[in-house]
């Protein structure tokens, strides 16, 4: 999913792997391996890329808009007053 999303964003913005690599200080070979689905990203490097592209890591890696997902959850859930900590994690499907 990361490969597909990254390719799409690069194409939409007219960016090359080399130019993105220079801007975020991540080796071109690393970003190229993500685009070719040859390796899994280091979270710190992925964060640099996501921040530069102004997208969330979740959106870049999984194609989900994190804000939309959380807003949908809040709209569908009855919450009572107080403070909440919400943790969202991916679970493996059987």
C-alpha atoms as a PDB file:
ATOM      1  CA  UNK A   1       0.000   0.000   0.000  1.00  0.00           C
ATOM      2  CA  UNK A   2       2.882   2.386   0.785  1.00  0.00           C
ATOM      3  CA  UNK A   3       4.322   1.846  -2.683  1.00  0.00           C
ATOM      4  CA  UNK A   4       1.044   2.678  -4.414  1.00  0.00           C
ATOM      5  CA  UNK A   5       0.335   5.727  -2.242  1.00  0.00           C
ATOM      6  CA  UNK A   6       3.843   7.127  -2.537  1.00  0.00           C
ATOM      7  CA  UNK A   7       3.863   6.703  -6.321  1.00  0.00           C
ATOM      8  CA  UNK A   8       0.514   8.475  -6.560  1.00  0.00           C
ATOM      9  CA  UNK A   9       1.561  11.418  -4.388  1.00  0.00           C
ATOM     10  CA  UNK A  10       4.874  11.828  -6.218  1.00  0.00           C
ATOM     11  CA  UNK A  11       3.082  11.837  -9.583  1.00  0.00           C
ATOM     12  CA  UNK A  12       0.375  14.263  -8.409  1.00  0.00           C
ATOM     13  CA  UNK A  13       2.976  16.705  -7.112  1.00  0.00           C
ATOM     14  CA  UNK A  14       5.447  16.314  -9.939  1.00  0.00           C
ATOM     15  CA  UNK A  15       8.166  15.080  -7.588  1.00  0.00           C
ATOM     16  CA  UNK A  16      10.872  12.547  -8.289  1.00  0.00           C
ATOM     17  CA  UNK A  17      12.304  10.067  -5.828  1.00  0.00           C
ATOM     18  CA  UNK A  18      15.631  11.903  -6.046  1.00  0.00           C
ATOM     19  CA  UNK A  19      14.115  15.315  -5.273  1.00  0.00           C
ATOM     20  CA  UNK A  20      12.099  13.928  -2.359  1.00  0.00           C
ATOM     21  CA  UNK A  21      15.188  12.196  -0.992  1.00  0.00           C
ATOM     22  CA  UNK A  22      17.183  15.445  -1.093  1.00  0.00           C
ATOM     23  CA  UNK A  23      14.417  17.422   0.626  1.00  0.00           C
ATOM     24  CA  UNK A  24      13.895  14.978   3.508  1.00  0.00           C
ATOM     25  CA  UNK A  25      17.482  13.753   3.879  1.00  0.00           C
ATOM     26  CA  UNK A  26      16.559  10.108   3.346  1.00  0.00           C
ATOM     27  CA  UNK A  27      18.697   8.084   0.928  1.00  0.00           C
ATOM     28  CA  UNK A  28      17.251   7.852  -2.576  1.00  0.00           C
ATOM     29  CA  UNK A  29      17.893   4.112  -2.526  1.00  0.00           C
ATOM     30  CA  UNK A  30      15.728   3.809   0.601  1.00  0.00           C
ATOM     31  CA  UNK A  31      12.765   5.651  -0.901  1.00  0.00           C
ATOM     32  CA  UNK A  32      13.237   3.709  -4.132  1.00  0.00           C
ATOM     33  CA  UNK A  33      13.027   0.442  -2.182  1.00  0.00           C
ATOM     34  CA  UNK A  34       9.720   1.597  -0.666  1.00  0.00           C
ATOM     35  CA  UNK A  35       8.355   2.484  -4.100  1.00  0.00           C
ATOM     36  CA  UNK A  36       9.391  -0.932  -5.399  1.00  0.00           C
ATOM     37  CA  UNK A  37       8.043  -2.698  -2.285  1.00  0.00           C
ATOM     38  CA  UNK A  38      11.502  -4.114  -1.604  1.00  0.00           C
ATOM     39  CA  UNK A  39      11.697  -3.087   2.051  1.00  0.00           C
ATOM     40  CA  UNK A  40       9.659  -1.885   4.982  1.00  0.00           C
ATOM     41  CA  UNK A  41      10.258   1.705   6.029  1.00  0.00           C
ATOM     42  CA  UNK A  42      12.035   2.905   9.110  1.00  0.00           C
ATOM     43  CA  UNK A  43       9.415   4.851  11.079  1.00  0.00           C
ATOM     44  CA  UNK A  44      11.632   7.917  11.540  1.00  0.00           C
ATOM     45  CA  UNK A  45      12.351   8.096   7.827  1.00  0.00           C
ATOM     46  CA  UNK A  46       8.699   7.549   6.952  1.00  0.00           C
ATOM     47  CA  UNK A  47       7.756  10.349   9.345  1.00  0.00           C
ATOM     48  CA  UNK A  48      10.159  12.736   7.571  1.00  0.00           C
ATOM     49  CA  UNK A  49       8.574  11.902   4.227  1.00  0.00           C
ATOM     50  CA  UNK A  50       5.014  12.192   5.541  1.00  0.00           C
ATOM     51  CA  UNK A  51       5.733  15.559   7.162  1.00  0.00           C
ATOM     52  CA  UNK A  52       7.320  16.918   3.992  1.00  0.00           C
ATOM     53  CA  UNK A  53       4.358  15.727   1.922  1.00  0.00           C
ATOM     54  CA  UNK A  54       1.952  17.091   4.565  1.00  0.00           C
ATOM     55  CA  UNK A  55       0.136  13.780   5.033  1.00  0.00           C
ATOM     56  CA  UNK A  56      -0.180  11.447   7.998  1.00  0.00           C
ATOM     57  CA  UNK A  57       1.933   8.331   8.261  1.00  0.00           C
ATOM     58  CA  UNK A  58      -1.253   6.270   8.321  1.00  0.00           C
ATOM     59  CA  UNK A  59      -2.493   7.902   5.151  1.00  0.00           C
ATOM     60  CA  UNK A  60       0.824   7.355   3.407  1.00  0.00           C
ATOM     61  CA  UNK A  61       1.338   3.786   4.579  1.00  0.00           C
ATOM     62  CA  UNK A  62      -2.241   2.478   4.613  1.00  0.00           C
ATOM     63  CA  UNK A  63      -4.242   4.873   2.466  1.00  0.00           C
ATOM     64  CA  UNK A  64      -6.456   5.966   5.332  1.00  0.00           C
ATOM     65  CA  UNK A  65      -7.146   9.516   6.318  1.00  0.00           C
ATOM     66  CA  UNK A  66      -6.495   9.355  10.052  1.00  0.00           C
ATOM     67  CA  UNK A  67      -8.516  12.480  10.830  1.00  0.00           C
ATOM     68  CA  UNK A  68     -11.511  11.174   8.908  1.00  0.00           C
ATOM     69  CA  UNK A  69     -11.245   7.798  10.622  1.00  0.00           C
ATOM     70  CA  UNK A  70     -11.145   9.320  14.118  1.00  0.00           C
ATOM     71  CA  UNK A  71     -13.963  11.759  13.352  1.00  0.00           C
ATOM     72  CA  UNK A  72     -16.125   8.902  12.073  1.00  0.00           C
ATOM     73  CA  UNK A  73     -15.387   6.948  15.245  1.00  0.00           C
ATOM     74  CA  UNK A  74     -16.326   9.906  17.435  1.00  0.00           C
ATOM     75  CA  UNK A  75     -19.529  10.530  15.486  1.00  0.00           C
ATOM     76  CA  UNK A  76     -20.604   6.907  15.890  1.00  0.00           C
ATOM     77  CA  UNK A  77     -19.667   6.537  19.550  1.00  0.00           C
ATOM     78  CA  UNK A  78     -21.520   7.967  22.503  1.00  0.00           C
ATOM     79  CA  UNK A  79     -18.961   9.530  24.798  1.00  0.00           C
ATOM     80  CA  UNK A  80     -19.648  10.880  28.247  1.00  0.00           C
ATOM     81  CA  UNK A  81     -17.834  13.840  29.776  1.00  0.00           C
ATOM     82  CA  UNK A  82     -14.259  13.289  30.871  1.00  0.00           C
ATOM     83  CA  UNK A  83     -10.865  12.672  29.367  1.00  0.00           C
ATOM     84  CA  UNK A  84     -10.239   9.746  27.054  1.00  0.00           C
ATOM     85  CA  UNK A  85      -7.157   8.150  25.574  1.00  0.00           C
ATOM     86  CA  UNK A  86      -7.897   6.392  22.320  1.00  0.00           C
ATOM     87  CA  UNK A  87      -5.376   3.887  20.995  1.00  0.00           C
ATOM     88  CA  UNK A  88      -5.822   2.547  17.504  1.00  0.00           C
ATOM     89  CA  UNK A  89      -3.764  -0.382  16.311  1.00  0.00           C
ATOM     90  CA  UNK A  90      -3.946  -2.699  13.349  1.00  0.00           C
ATOM     91  CA  UNK A  91      -4.885  -6.267  14.147  1.00  0.00           C
ATOM     92  CA  UNK A  92      -4.108  -9.246  11.993  1.00  0.00           C
ATOM     93  CA  UNK A  93      -7.117 -10.738  10.284  1.00  0.00           C
ATOM     94  CA  UNK A  94      -7.549 -14.490  10.334  1.00  0.00           C
END
